[in-house]
Every structure is written in C-alpha cells, then in structure tokens.
C-alpha atoms as a PDB file:
ATOM      1  CA  UNK A   1       6.147  18.808   5.417  1.00  0.00           C
ATOM      2  CA  UNK A   2       8.420  17.105   2.925  1.00  0.00           C
ATOM      3  CA  UNK A   3       7.616  17.025  -0.759  1.00  0.00           C
ATOM      4  CA  UNK A   4       5.689  13.826  -1.206  1.00  0.00           C
ATOM      5  CA  UNK A   5       7.555  12.568  -4.268  1.00  0.00           C
ATOM      6  CA  UNK A   6      10.831  12.558  -2.318  1.00  0.00           C
ATOM      7  CA  UNK A   7       9.569  10.432   0.569  1.00  0.00           C
ATOM      8  CA  UNK A   8      10.655   6.778   0.625  1.00  0.00           C
ATOM      9  CA  UNK A   9       7.142   5.675   1.614  1.00  0.00           C
ATOM     10  CA  UNK A  10       5.682   7.418  -1.436  1.00  0.00           C
ATOM     11  CA  UNK A  11       8.310   5.944  -3.762  1.00  0.00           C
ATOM     12  CA  UNK A  12       7.588   2.457  -2.437  1.00  0.00           C
ATOM     13  CA  UNK A  13       3.822   2.959  -2.744  1.00  0.00           C
ATOM     14  CA  UNK A  14       4.175   4.213  -6.300  1.00  0.00           C
ATOM     15  CA  UNK A  15       6.325   1.211  -7.193  1.00  0.00           C
ATOM     16  CA  UNK A  16       3.624  -1.026  -5.704  1.00  0.00           C
ATOM     17  CA  UNK A  17       0.974   0.752  -7.765  1.00  0.00           C
ATOM     18  CA  UNK A  18       2.969   0.234 -10.969  1.00  0.00           C
ATOM     19  CA  UNK A  19       3.404  -3.478 -10.257  1.00  0.00           C
ATOM     20  CA  UNK A  20      -0.243  -3.965  -9.305  1.00  0.00           C
ATOM     21  CA  UNK A  21      -1.478  -2.216 -12.451  1.00  0.00           C
ATOM     22  CA  UNK A  22       0.843  -4.323 -14.613  1.00  0.00           C
ATOM     23  CA  UNK A  23      -0.038  -7.598 -12.876  1.00  0.00           C
ATOM     24  CA  UNK A  24      -3.809  -7.081 -12.755  1.00  0.00           C
ATOM     25  CA  UNK A  25      -3.819  -6.213 -16.438  1.00  0.00           C
ATOM     26  CA  UNK A  26      -3.125  -9.886 -17.129  1.00  0.00           C
ATOM     27  CA  UNK A  27      -5.867 -11.266 -14.865  1.00  0.00           C
ATOM     28  CA  UNK A  28      -8.439 -13.597 -16.443  1.00  0.00           C
ATOM     29  CA  UNK A  29     -11.669 -11.852 -17.385  1.00  0.00           C
ATOM     30  CA  UNK A  30     -13.519 -13.473 -14.467  1.00  0.00           C
ATOM     31  CA  UNK A  31     -11.217 -11.721 -11.987  1.00  0.00           C
ATOM     32  CA  UNK A  32      -9.978  -8.630 -13.828  1.00  0.00           C
ATOM     33  CA  UNK A  33     -12.965  -6.419 -13.031  1.00  0.00           C
ATOM     34  CA  UNK A  34     -13.684  -7.769  -9.568  1.00  0.00           C
ATOM     35  CA  UNK A  35     -10.578  -8.852  -7.712  1.00  0.00           C
ATOM     36  CA  UNK A  36      -8.124  -6.964  -9.927  1.00  0.00           C
ATOM     37  CA  UNK A  37     -10.041  -3.706  -9.688  1.00  0.00           C
ATOM     38  CA  UNK A  38     -10.411  -4.084  -5.918  1.00  0.00           C
ATOM     39  CA  UNK A  39      -6.651  -4.533  -5.495  1.00  0.00           C
ATOM     40  CA  UNK A  40      -5.908  -1.507  -7.708  1.00  0.00           C
ATOM     41  CA  UNK A  41      -8.391   0.643  -5.791  1.00  0.00           C
ATOM     42  CA  UNK A  42      -6.920  -0.394  -2.441  1.00  0.00           C
ATOM     43  CA  UNK A  43      -3.422   0.565  -3.600  1.00  0.00           C
ATOM     44  CA  UNK A  44      -4.708   3.902  -4.907  1.00  0.00           C
ATOM     45  CA  UNK A  45      -6.391   4.508  -1.524  1.00  0.00           C
ATOM     46  CA  UNK A  46      -3.073   3.661   0.138  1.00  0.00           C
ATOM     47  CA  UNK A  47      -1.292   6.325  -1.906  1.00  0.00           C
ATOM     48  CA  UNK A  48      -4.023   8.853  -1.063  1.00  0.00           C
ATOM     49  CA  UNK A  49      -3.612   8.192   2.669  1.00  0.00           C
ATOM     50  CA  UNK A  50       0.137   8.699   2.299  1.00  0.00           C
ATOM     51  CA  UNK A  51      -0.584  12.120   0.754  1.00  0.00           C
ATOM     52  CA  UNK A  52      -2.974  12.945   3.595  1.00  0.00           C
ATOM     53  CA  UNK A  53      -0.598  11.748   6.316  1.00  0.00           C
ATOM     54  CA  UNK A  54       2.185  13.868   4.857  1.00  0.00           C
ATOM     55  CA  UNK A  55      -0.051  16.918   4.550  1.00  0.00           C
ATOM     56  CA  UNK A  56      -1.113  17.107   8.178  1.00  0.00           C
ATOM     57  CA  UNK A  57       0.826  16.367  11.325  1.00  0.00           C
ATOM     58  CA  UNK A  58      -2.332  16.676  13.391  1.00  0.00           C
ATOM     59  CA  UNK A  59      -3.988  13.627  11.824  1.00  0.00           C
ATOM     60  CA  UNK A  60      -0.845  11.773  10.722  1.00  0.00           C
ATOM     61  CA  UNK A  61      -1.280   8.876  13.168  1.00  0.00           C
ATOM     62  CA  UNK A  62      -4.892   8.389  12.062  1.00  0.00           C
ATOM     63  CA  UNK A  63      -3.935   8.358   8.364  1.00  0.00           C
ATOM     64  CA  UNK A  64      -0.963   6.077   9.034  1.00  0.00           C
ATOM     65  CA  UNK A  65      -3.391   3.693  10.730  1.00  0.00           C
ATOM     66  CA  UNK A  66      -5.492   3.729   7.583  1.00  0.00           C
ATOM     67  CA  UNK A  67      -2.355   3.003   5.551  1.00  0.00           C
ATOM     68  CA  UNK A  68      -1.791  -0.097   7.689  1.00  0.00           C
ATOM     69  CA  UNK A  69      -5.427  -1.163   7.170  1.00  0.00           C
ATOM     70  CA  UNK A  70      -5.063  -0.861   3.387  1.00  0.00           C
ATOM     71  CA  UNK A  71      -1.876  -2.914   3.529  1.00  0.00           C
ATOM     72  CA  UNK A  72      -3.676  -5.726   5.363  1.00  0.00           C
ATOM     73  CA  UNK A  73      -6.474  -5.750   2.783  1.00  0.00           C
ATOM     74  CA  UNK A  74      -3.984  -5.719  -0.112  1.00  0.00           C
ATOM     75  CA  UNK A  75      -2.039  -8.596   1.452  1.00  0.00           C
ATOM     76  CA  UNK A  76      -5.247 -10.615   1.849  1.00  0.00           C
ATOM     77  CA  UNK A  77      -6.390 -10.032  -1.730  1.00  0.00           C
ATOM     78  CA  UNK A  78      -2.953 -10.725  -3.188  1.00  0.00           C
ATOM     79  CA  UNK A  79      -2.663 -13.938  -1.182  1.00  0.00           C
ATOM     80  CA  UNK A  80      -6.023 -15.001  -2.588  1.00  0.00           C
ATOM     81  CA  UNK A  81      -4.855 -14.342  -6.143  1.00  0.00           C
ATOM     82  CA  UNK A  82      -1.749 -16.443  -5.503  1.00  0.00           C
ATOM     83  CA  UNK A  83      -3.797 -19.272  -3.989  1.00  0.00           C
ATOM     84  CA  UNK A  84      -6.134 -19.173  -7.004  1.00  0.00           C
ATOM     85  CA  UNK A  85      -3.030 -19.234  -9.241  1.00  0.00           C
ATOM     86  CA  UNK A  86      -3.952 -15.953 -10.893  1.00  0.00           C
ATOM     87  CA  UNK A  87      -0.495 -14.578 -10.114  1.00  0.00           C
ATOM     88  CA  UNK A  88       2.754 -16.486  -9.801  1.00  0.00           C
ATOM     89  CA  UNK A  89       5.033 -16.737  -6.776  1.00  0.00           C
ATOM     90  CA  UNK A  90       7.471 -14.134  -8.153  1.00  0.00           C
ATOM     91  CA  UNK A  91       4.710 -11.543  -8.579  1.00  0.00           C
ATOM     92  CA  UNK A  92       3.334 -12.415  -5.148  1.00  0.00           C
ATOM     93  CA  UNK A  93       6.730 -12.010  -3.494  1.00  0.00           C
ATOM     94  CA  UNK A  94       7.366  -8.649  -5.229  1.00  0.00           C
ATOM     95  CA  UNK A  95       4.073  -7.286  -3.932  1.00  0.00           C
ATOM     96  CA  UNK A  96       4.462  -8.691  -0.416  1.00  0.00           C
ATOM     97  CA  UNK A  97       8.001  -7.311  -0.181  1.00  0.00           C
ATOM     98  CA  UNK A  98       6.686  -3.827  -0.986  1.00  0.00           C
ATOM     99  CA  UNK A  99       3.671  -4.033   1.341  1.00  0.00           C
ATOM    100  CA  UNK A 100       5.961  -5.204   4.147  1.00  0.00           C
ATOM    101  CA  UNK A 101       8.255  -2.242   3.519  1.00  0.00           C
ATOM    102  CA  UNK A 102       5.276   0.140   3.493  1.00  0.00           C
ATOM    103  CA  UNK A 103       4.016  -1.296   6.761  1.00  0.00           C
ATOM    104  CA  UNK A 104       7.381  -0.772   8.447  1.00  0.00           C
ATOM    105  CA  UNK A 105       7.575   2.796   7.151  1.00  0.00           C
ATOM    106  CA  UNK A 106       4.038   3.590   8.306  1.00  0.00           C
ATOM    107  CA  UNK A 107       4.811   2.148  11.754  1.00  0.00           C
ATOM    108  CA  UNK A 108       7.887   4.368  11.856  1.00  0.00           C
ATOM    109  CA  UNK A 109       5.741   7.376  10.996  1.00  0.00           C
ATOM    110  CA  UNK A 110       3.369   6.508  13.839  1.00  0.00           C
ATOM    111  CA  UNK A 111       6.190   6.086  16.380  1.00  0.00           C
ATOM    112  CA  UNK A 112       7.938   9.268  15.282  1.00  0.00           C
ATOM    113  CA  UNK A 113       4.743  11.332  15.369  1.00  0.00           C
ATOM    114  CA  UNK A 114       3.762   9.920  18.779  1.00  0.00           C
ATOM    115  CA  UNK A 115       7.196  10.727  20.207  1.00  0.00           C
ATOM    116  CA  UNK A 116       6.892  14.320  18.934  1.00  0.00           C
ATOM    117  CA  UNK A 117       3.459  14.642  20.562  1.00  0.00           C
ATOM    118  CA  UNK A 118       4.872  13.477  23.902  1.00  0.00           C
ATOM    119  CA  UNK A 119       7.667  16.038  23.815  1.00  0.00           C
END
C-alpha cells in the first residue's frame, strides 16, 4: 500500500477538490447551498473512495467502481452548472480535464488489480 499523498490519483483528486471549492464559493445564492454543496460532497466522497481503494486490495475494484460512479455524477452536475451559466467554459474545462484523468487512473487501478487476481 503506497502512501496516499504520493499517488497520482490522490494528487489529481485533491486538485479537483481545491478547484471545486474555489469555484462553488462564487455560485449565486440560489445554487450555492444546493448544487454547489452537492458537487463539493461528491468530490469529497470521491477522495474518500480513493483512500479506501488504496487501503485494501481485497475491495479495490469495488471502491474503484464507486470512484467512477462519483466521477459520472460530478460530470453531470458540472455540465449542468455550465449550461446554466453558473460557471464559465474555462472552469468547466479545468474540472472535466481532471475528472477525465481520474477516470483513466481508476480504470487503470481496476485493470491492474484484476490482472493480479488472475495471476
């Protein structure tokens, strides 16, 4: 088990969390405590599942699957905020770039863990 703070997936997730906290801070009042809070909570859940996946090899595939689920929800909510013009295209692209990277890393975790189980 690698130290979590040294893993690329953790670093990317933490960067996403920082951006999401900064961006949602500027949401209009109507959306700050509903949509903004939901996005923040989903990203926090994502980071928690990364911790859990790193902590146990036995359930790593299951937790990585949950990471992918959180990413899909985050992408949906962020797309909605862009369509409602709550965030701009630059903020949207920053977030989507990071969620895409996280998805690829989680898929890699799943493939690597599955190949170890087959061996």
